[in-house]
Structures are given as C-alpha cells and as structure tokens.
Amino acid sequence: MNTAKLLITFFMSLSLFSTTLFAEVISTKHLLHASNSQVSIDTFLNKQEVQEKLLLLGVSHEDLQGRIATLTDEEIAQINHEIDTLPAGAGAGAIIGVIVFIFLVLLITDILGYTKVYNFTKSAQ
C-alpha cells in the first residue's frame, strides 16, 4: 500500500513540472514574410564586400550560416530593419576612433618602456 501511494505521489509531482504548449496555425503570409526576411539576409551576406570583411574579422561562412539558422523570426526582422535603415559606411567614425585609441595606447606604452612596437620612439628608461 505504501508503494502505491509513493508511486501515485511521484507521478502526480511530475505533472506539476509540465509545461504548457501553445500551438497555432501559421498563415501563409507569415511564412512567406519569414522566408523573404531570410532571403534578404542571405543576399546581404553573399555580397563580396561583406564576405571579405567577415573573413578579415575571422568569421567563416559556415559559422555564420549556423548562427543565422538559430535566429528567431523577430531577430531576423530586426536585422533586416537595421540593414535597410543604416546608411552606407555607418560606424566608420567609431572604427577610426578605436584605431587611433589603440595607436595612442601603444605609443604611450612604447614611450614609457613597457613595449617596443614602434621603431621611432625613444624609451624613457
């Protein structure tokens, strides 16, 4: 009798942890919109300039496709919106700023004698 009560209690406790699933019918419009969004990202990523930049950053095409496959529809729509609204060359000022900052840090560490990156500096030590 105790074993039966224990089994009943065990299986009832398992039902407490069940999750609720929501299913709905997906409309053709929603499915085509998601498909068009995926095609838009793929065409952007297949451009030669984008491929070269990604290779410079060390991102392979296979890794990128794997990451894109895991995106949700909302994330894909957000990326498409950003691709469409960003002006060409956006963010170039930030990139140049980072490069200048790195140059200055290396220059100062060269002058202080911590590194020897540039030949034109004289160490303070």
N, C-alpha and C. Protein backbone atom coordinates (compact mmCIF):
# COMPACT_ATOMS: atom_id res chain seq x y z
N MET A 1 0.81 -1.19 0.00
CA MET A 1 0.00 0.00 0.00
C MET A 1 0.86 1.26 0.00
N ASN A 2 1.94 1.25 0.78
CA ASN A 2 2.82 2.40 0.81
C ASN A 2 3.49 2.63 -0.53
N THR A 3 3.83 1.55 -1.23
CA THR A 3 4.46 1.69 -2.53
C THR A 3 3.50 2.32 -3.53
N ALA A 4 2.24 1.95 -3.47
CA ALA A 4 1.25 2.52 -4.38
C ALA A 4 1.08 4.01 -4.12
N LYS A 5 1.03 4.40 -2.85
CA LYS A 5 0.91 5.83 -2.52
C LYS A 5 2.15 6.60 -2.97
N LEU A 6 3.30 5.97 -2.79
CA LEU A 6 4.54 6.61 -3.20
C LEU A 6 4.58 6.81 -4.72
N LEU A 7 4.17 5.78 -5.47
CA LEU A 7 4.14 5.90 -6.94
C LEU A 7 3.14 6.96 -7.40
N ILE A 8 1.96 6.97 -6.78
CA ILE A 8 0.95 7.96 -7.15
C ILE A 8 1.46 9.37 -6.85
N THR A 9 2.07 9.54 -5.70
CA THR A 9 2.62 10.85 -5.33
C THR A 9 3.73 11.27 -6.29
N PHE A 10 4.57 10.32 -6.66
CA PHE A 10 5.68 10.61 -7.58
C PHE A 10 5.16 11.07 -8.94
N PHE A 11 4.22 10.32 -9.50
CA PHE A 11 3.71 10.69 -10.83
C PHE A 11 2.89 11.97 -10.80
N MET A 12 2.20 12.23 -9.71
CA MET A 12 1.47 13.50 -9.60
C MET A 12 2.43 14.67 -9.48
N SER A 13 3.55 14.46 -8.79
CA SER A 13 4.53 15.55 -8.69
C SER A 13 5.19 15.82 -10.03
N LEU A 14 5.34 14.80 -10.86
CA LEU A 14 5.88 15.03 -12.21
C LEU A 14 4.96 15.89 -13.05
N SER A 15 3.67 15.75 -12.84
CA SER A 15 2.73 16.55 -13.63
C SER A 15 2.77 18.02 -13.25
N LEU A 16 3.29 18.33 -12.07
CA LEU A 16 3.40 19.73 -11.67
C LEU A 16 4.44 20.48 -12.48
N PHE A 17 5.42 19.75 -13.01
CA PHE A 17 6.51 20.38 -13.74
C PHE A 17 6.29 20.42 -15.24
N SER A 18 5.14 20.00 -15.68
CA SER A 18 4.88 20.01 -17.12
C SER A 18 4.70 21.44 -17.61
N THR A 19 5.07 21.66 -18.83
CA THR A 19 4.93 23.00 -19.41
C THR A 19 3.73 23.03 -20.33
N THR A 20 3.20 24.19 -20.49
CA THR A 20 2.06 24.37 -21.37
C THR A 20 2.57 24.75 -22.75
N LEU A 21 2.10 24.07 -23.75
CA LEU A 21 2.49 24.37 -25.13
C LEU A 21 1.34 25.07 -25.83
N PHE A 22 1.68 26.07 -26.60
CA PHE A 22 0.68 26.80 -27.35
C PHE A 22 0.91 26.54 -28.83
N ALA A 23 -0.09 26.03 -29.47
CA ALA A 23 0.01 25.76 -30.89
C ALA A 23 -0.98 26.66 -31.62
N GLU A 24 -0.57 27.09 -32.78
CA GLU A 24 -1.47 27.90 -33.59
C GLU A 24 -1.19 27.63 -35.05
N VAL A 25 -2.13 27.95 -35.86
CA VAL A 25 -1.98 27.78 -37.29
C VAL A 25 -1.13 28.92 -37.83
N ILE A 26 -0.14 28.58 -38.63
CA ILE A 26 0.73 29.60 -39.22
C ILE A 26 0.15 29.99 -40.57
N SER A 27 -0.07 31.27 -40.74
CA SER A 27 -0.64 31.73 -42.01
C SER A 27 0.42 31.72 -43.10
N THR A 28 -0.03 31.67 -44.32
CA THR A 28 0.87 31.69 -45.46
C THR A 28 1.61 33.01 -45.53
N LYS A 29 0.93 34.10 -45.20
CA LYS A 29 1.55 35.42 -45.21
C LYS A 29 2.73 35.47 -44.23
N HIS A 30 2.53 34.94 -43.03
CA HIS A 30 3.59 34.92 -42.02
C HIS A 30 4.76 34.06 -42.50
N LEU A 31 4.47 32.93 -43.09
CA LEU A 31 5.51 32.03 -43.57
C LEU A 31 6.30 32.66 -44.71
N LEU A 32 5.63 33.32 -45.64
CA LEU A 32 6.33 33.96 -46.75
C LEU A 32 7.15 35.15 -46.28
N HIS A 33 6.65 35.89 -45.29
CA HIS A 33 7.39 37.03 -44.75
C HIS A 33 8.68 36.55 -44.09
N ALA A 34 8.61 35.47 -43.33
CA ALA A 34 9.81 34.92 -42.69
C ALA A 34 10.79 34.43 -43.74
N SER A 35 10.28 33.83 -44.80
CA SER A 35 11.14 33.33 -45.87
C SER A 35 11.81 34.49 -46.59
N ASN A 36 11.07 35.57 -46.86
CA ASN A 36 11.65 36.74 -47.53
C ASN A 36 12.71 37.40 -46.66
N SER A 37 12.48 37.43 -45.36
CA SER A 37 13.47 38.01 -44.45
C SER A 37 14.77 37.22 -44.49
N GLN A 38 14.66 35.91 -44.51
CA GLN A 38 15.84 35.05 -44.56
C GLN A 38 16.58 35.26 -45.88
N VAL A 39 15.86 35.38 -46.98
CA VAL A 39 16.49 35.60 -48.28
C VAL A 39 17.20 36.95 -48.30
N SER A 40 16.60 37.97 -47.68
CA SER A 40 17.20 39.29 -47.64
C SER A 40 18.53 39.26 -46.89
N ILE A 41 18.59 38.56 -45.77
CA ILE A 41 19.84 38.45 -45.02
C ILE A 41 20.87 37.67 -45.82
N ASP A 42 20.43 36.59 -46.46
CA ASP A 42 21.36 35.78 -47.26
C ASP A 42 21.95 36.58 -48.42
N THR A 43 21.13 37.39 -49.10
CA THR A 43 21.68 38.18 -50.21
C THR A 43 22.65 39.23 -49.71
N PHE A 44 22.39 39.81 -48.53
CA PHE A 44 23.32 40.78 -47.95
C PHE A 44 24.64 40.12 -47.61
N LEU A 45 24.57 38.94 -47.02
CA LEU A 45 25.79 38.25 -46.59
C LEU A 45 26.58 37.65 -47.74
N ASN A 46 25.94 37.45 -48.88
CA ASN A 46 26.64 36.88 -50.04
C ASN A 46 27.34 37.93 -50.88
N LYS A 47 27.23 39.21 -50.51
CA LYS A 47 27.95 40.26 -51.23
C LYS A 47 29.44 40.10 -50.99
N GLN A 48 30.23 40.42 -51.99
CA GLN A 48 31.68 40.24 -51.93
C GLN A 48 32.31 41.07 -50.82
N GLU A 49 31.87 42.33 -50.66
CA GLU A 49 32.45 43.19 -49.63
C GLU A 49 32.19 42.64 -48.23
N VAL A 50 30.98 42.13 -48.02
CA VAL A 50 30.63 41.59 -46.71
C VAL A 50 31.44 40.34 -46.43
N GLN A 51 31.60 39.48 -47.44
CA GLN A 51 32.39 38.25 -47.27
C GLN A 51 33.83 38.58 -46.91
N GLU A 52 34.41 39.58 -47.60
CA GLU A 52 35.80 39.96 -47.31
C GLU A 52 35.94 40.50 -45.89
N LYS A 53 34.99 41.33 -45.48
CA LYS A 53 35.05 41.91 -44.13
C LYS A 53 34.90 40.83 -43.07
N LEU A 54 34.01 39.88 -43.30
CA LEU A 54 33.82 38.80 -42.34
C LEU A 54 35.07 37.92 -42.24
N LEU A 55 35.72 37.68 -43.37
CA LEU A 55 36.96 36.90 -43.33
C LEU A 55 38.06 37.65 -42.59
N LEU A 56 38.11 38.98 -42.77
CA LEU A 56 39.08 39.78 -42.01
C LEU A 56 38.82 39.70 -40.51
N LEU A 57 37.55 39.60 -40.14
CA LEU A 57 37.19 39.51 -38.73
C LEU A 57 37.32 38.09 -38.19
N GLY A 58 37.62 37.13 -39.07
CA GLY A 58 37.81 35.75 -38.63
C GLY A 58 36.54 34.94 -38.53
N VAL A 59 35.50 35.33 -39.25
CA VAL A 59 34.23 34.61 -39.22
C VAL A 59 34.09 33.83 -40.52
N SER A 60 33.96 32.51 -40.41
CA SER A 60 33.79 31.70 -41.62
C SER A 60 32.33 31.72 -42.05
N HIS A 61 32.12 31.42 -43.32
CA HIS A 61 30.77 31.43 -43.88
C HIS A 61 29.91 30.34 -43.23
N GLU A 62 30.51 29.19 -42.92
CA GLU A 62 29.76 28.09 -42.30
C GLU A 62 29.30 28.46 -40.89
N ASP A 63 30.19 29.09 -40.13
CA ASP A 63 29.82 29.52 -38.78
C ASP A 63 28.68 30.53 -38.83
N LEU A 64 28.77 31.44 -39.78
CA LEU A 64 27.75 32.46 -39.92
C LEU A 64 26.39 31.85 -40.28
N GLN A 65 26.39 30.91 -41.21
CA GLN A 65 25.13 30.26 -41.59
C GLN A 65 24.53 29.49 -40.42
N GLY A 66 25.38 28.87 -39.61
CA GLY A 66 24.88 28.17 -38.44
C GLY A 66 24.25 29.11 -37.43
N ARG A 67 24.85 30.28 -37.24
CA ARG A 67 24.30 31.25 -36.29
C ARG A 67 23.00 31.84 -36.82
N ILE A 68 22.94 32.08 -38.12
CA ILE A 68 21.72 32.64 -38.70
C ILE A 68 20.57 31.64 -38.60
N ALA A 69 20.89 30.36 -38.73
CA ALA A 69 19.84 29.33 -38.66
C ALA A 69 19.19 29.28 -37.28
N THR A 70 19.89 29.73 -36.25
CA THR A 70 19.33 29.69 -34.90
C THR A 70 18.56 30.95 -34.53
N LEU A 71 18.52 31.95 -35.41
CA LEU A 71 17.80 33.19 -35.11
C LEU A 71 16.29 32.97 -35.15
N THR A 72 15.59 33.70 -34.30
CA THR A 72 14.13 33.66 -34.33
C THR A 72 13.63 34.61 -35.42
N ASP A 73 12.35 34.50 -35.73
CA ASP A 73 11.77 35.37 -36.76
C ASP A 73 11.85 36.84 -36.36
N GLU A 74 11.67 37.14 -35.08
CA GLU A 74 11.74 38.53 -34.62
C GLU A 74 13.15 39.08 -34.78
N GLU A 75 14.16 38.25 -34.47
CA GLU A 75 15.54 38.70 -34.62
C GLU A 75 15.90 38.93 -36.08
N ILE A 76 15.41 38.07 -36.95
CA ILE A 76 15.66 38.24 -38.39
C ILE A 76 15.00 39.52 -38.88
N ALA A 77 13.77 39.79 -38.43
CA ALA A 77 13.08 41.01 -38.84
C ALA A 77 13.82 42.24 -38.34
N GLN A 78 14.37 42.18 -37.13
CA GLN A 78 15.12 43.31 -36.58
C GLN A 78 16.40 43.54 -37.38
N ILE A 79 17.09 42.47 -37.74
CA ILE A 79 18.32 42.61 -38.54
C ILE A 79 17.99 43.19 -39.90
N ASN A 80 16.92 42.71 -40.53
CA ASN A 80 16.51 43.26 -41.83
C ASN A 80 16.20 44.74 -41.73
N HIS A 81 15.53 45.14 -40.67
CA HIS A 81 15.20 46.56 -40.49
C HIS A 81 16.48 47.39 -40.34
N GLU A 82 17.44 46.88 -39.57
CA GLU A 82 18.69 47.61 -39.39
C GLU A 82 19.49 47.67 -40.69
N ILE A 83 19.49 46.59 -41.46
CA ILE A 83 20.21 46.59 -42.74
C ILE A 83 19.61 47.64 -43.67
N ASP A 84 18.27 47.73 -43.67
CA ASP A 84 17.60 48.67 -44.57
C ASP A 84 17.76 50.12 -44.14
N THR A 85 17.87 50.39 -42.84
CA THR A 85 17.88 51.78 -42.38
C THR A 85 19.27 52.36 -42.16
N LEU A 86 20.29 51.53 -42.02
CA LEU A 86 21.63 52.06 -41.78
C LEU A 86 22.20 52.66 -43.06
N PRO A 87 22.80 53.83 -42.97
CA PRO A 87 23.43 54.40 -44.16
C PRO A 87 24.73 53.66 -44.47
N ALA A 88 25.15 53.74 -45.71
CA ALA A 88 26.39 53.09 -46.11
C ALA A 88 27.55 53.73 -45.38
N GLY A 89 28.43 52.92 -44.84
CA GLY A 89 29.59 53.42 -44.13
C GLY A 89 29.31 53.84 -42.71
N ALA A 90 28.14 53.49 -42.19
CA ALA A 90 27.81 53.86 -40.82
C ALA A 90 28.76 53.15 -39.86
N GLY A 91 29.20 53.86 -38.86
CA GLY A 91 30.10 53.28 -37.88
C GLY A 91 31.56 53.42 -38.23
N ALA A 92 31.87 54.04 -39.36
CA ALA A 92 33.26 54.21 -39.76
C ALA A 92 33.99 55.12 -38.79
N GLY A 93 33.31 56.13 -38.27
CA GLY A 93 33.93 57.03 -37.31
C GLY A 93 34.33 56.31 -36.03
N ALA A 94 33.51 55.38 -35.59
CA ALA A 94 33.84 54.62 -34.39
C ALA A 94 35.04 53.71 -34.64
N ILE A 95 35.10 53.13 -35.82
CA ILE A 95 36.23 52.25 -36.15
C ILE A 95 37.53 53.06 -36.19
N ILE A 96 37.48 54.22 -36.81
CA ILE A 96 38.67 55.07 -36.87
C ILE A 96 39.06 55.53 -35.46
N GLY A 97 38.08 55.85 -34.63
CA GLY A 97 38.35 56.24 -33.26
C GLY A 97 39.04 55.14 -32.46
N VAL A 98 38.60 53.91 -32.65
CA VAL A 98 39.21 52.78 -31.95
C VAL A 98 40.64 52.58 -32.43
N ILE A 99 40.87 52.71 -33.72
CA ILE A 99 42.23 52.54 -34.26
C ILE A 99 43.16 53.62 -33.71
N VAL A 100 42.70 54.86 -33.67
CA VAL A 100 43.52 55.95 -33.12
C VAL A 100 43.79 55.71 -31.64
N PHE A 101 42.79 55.26 -30.90
CA PHE A 101 42.97 54.98 -29.47
C PHE A 101 44.02 53.89 -29.25
N ILE A 102 43.95 52.82 -30.02
CA ILE A 102 44.93 51.73 -29.89
C ILE A 102 46.32 52.24 -30.24
N PHE A 103 46.42 53.05 -31.29
CA PHE A 103 47.72 53.62 -31.67
C PHE A 103 48.29 54.45 -30.52
N LEU A 104 47.47 55.28 -29.92
CA LEU A 104 47.94 56.14 -28.83
C LEU A 104 48.35 55.33 -27.60
N VAL A 105 47.60 54.29 -27.28
CA VAL A 105 47.95 53.45 -26.13
C VAL A 105 49.29 52.77 -26.37
N LEU A 106 49.48 52.22 -27.57
CA LEU A 106 50.75 51.57 -27.88
C LEU A 106 51.90 52.58 -27.91
N LEU A 107 51.63 53.79 -28.40
CA LEU A 107 52.66 54.82 -28.42
C LEU A 107 53.08 55.20 -27.00
N ILE A 108 52.12 55.38 -26.13
CA ILE A 108 52.44 55.75 -24.74
C ILE A 108 53.19 54.62 -24.03
N THR A 109 52.76 53.38 -24.25
CA THR A 109 53.48 52.27 -23.61
C THR A 109 54.88 52.12 -24.19
N ASP A 110 55.08 52.46 -25.45
CA ASP A 110 56.42 52.47 -26.03
C ASP A 110 57.28 53.54 -25.38
N ILE A 111 56.74 54.73 -25.23
CA ILE A 111 57.50 55.83 -24.63
C ILE A 111 57.85 55.52 -23.18
N LEU A 112 56.94 54.88 -22.46
CA LEU A 112 57.20 54.54 -21.06
C LEU A 112 58.11 53.32 -20.92
N GLY A 113 58.37 52.62 -22.00
CA GLY A 113 59.30 51.49 -21.98
C GLY A 113 58.67 50.14 -21.68
N TYR A 114 57.35 50.06 -21.66
CA TYR A 114 56.70 48.79 -21.39
C TYR A 114 56.66 47.89 -22.62
N THR A 115 56.60 48.47 -23.80
CA THR A 115 56.58 47.69 -25.04
C THR A 115 57.59 48.29 -26.00
N LYS A 116 57.84 47.58 -27.08
CA LYS A 116 58.69 48.09 -28.16
C LYS A 116 58.01 47.74 -29.48
N VAL A 117 56.96 48.50 -29.80
CA VAL A 117 56.18 48.27 -31.00
C VAL A 117 56.68 49.14 -32.15
N TYR A 118 56.95 50.41 -31.87
CA TYR A 118 57.34 51.35 -32.91
C TYR A 118 58.84 51.63 -32.81
N ASN A 119 59.49 51.71 -33.97
CA ASN A 119 60.93 51.98 -34.01
C ASN A 119 61.25 53.46 -33.81
N PHE A 120 60.30 54.35 -34.03
CA PHE A 120 60.57 55.79 -33.99
C PHE A 120 60.46 56.38 -32.58
N THR A 121 60.17 55.57 -31.57
CA THR A 121 60.05 56.10 -30.21
C THR A 121 61.32 55.82 -29.41
N LYS A 122 61.59 56.70 -28.48
CA LYS A 122 62.71 56.53 -27.55
C LYS A 122 62.13 56.20 -26.19
N SER A 123 62.61 55.16 -25.58
CA SER A 123 62.11 54.72 -24.29
C SER A 123 62.55 55.69 -23.20
N ALA A 124 61.70 55.91 -22.22
CA ALA A 124 62.01 56.81 -21.11
C ALA A 124 62.98 56.16 -20.12
N GLN A 125 63.13 54.86 -20.19
CA GLN A 125 64.00 54.16 -19.24
C GLN A 125 65.41 54.08 -19.73
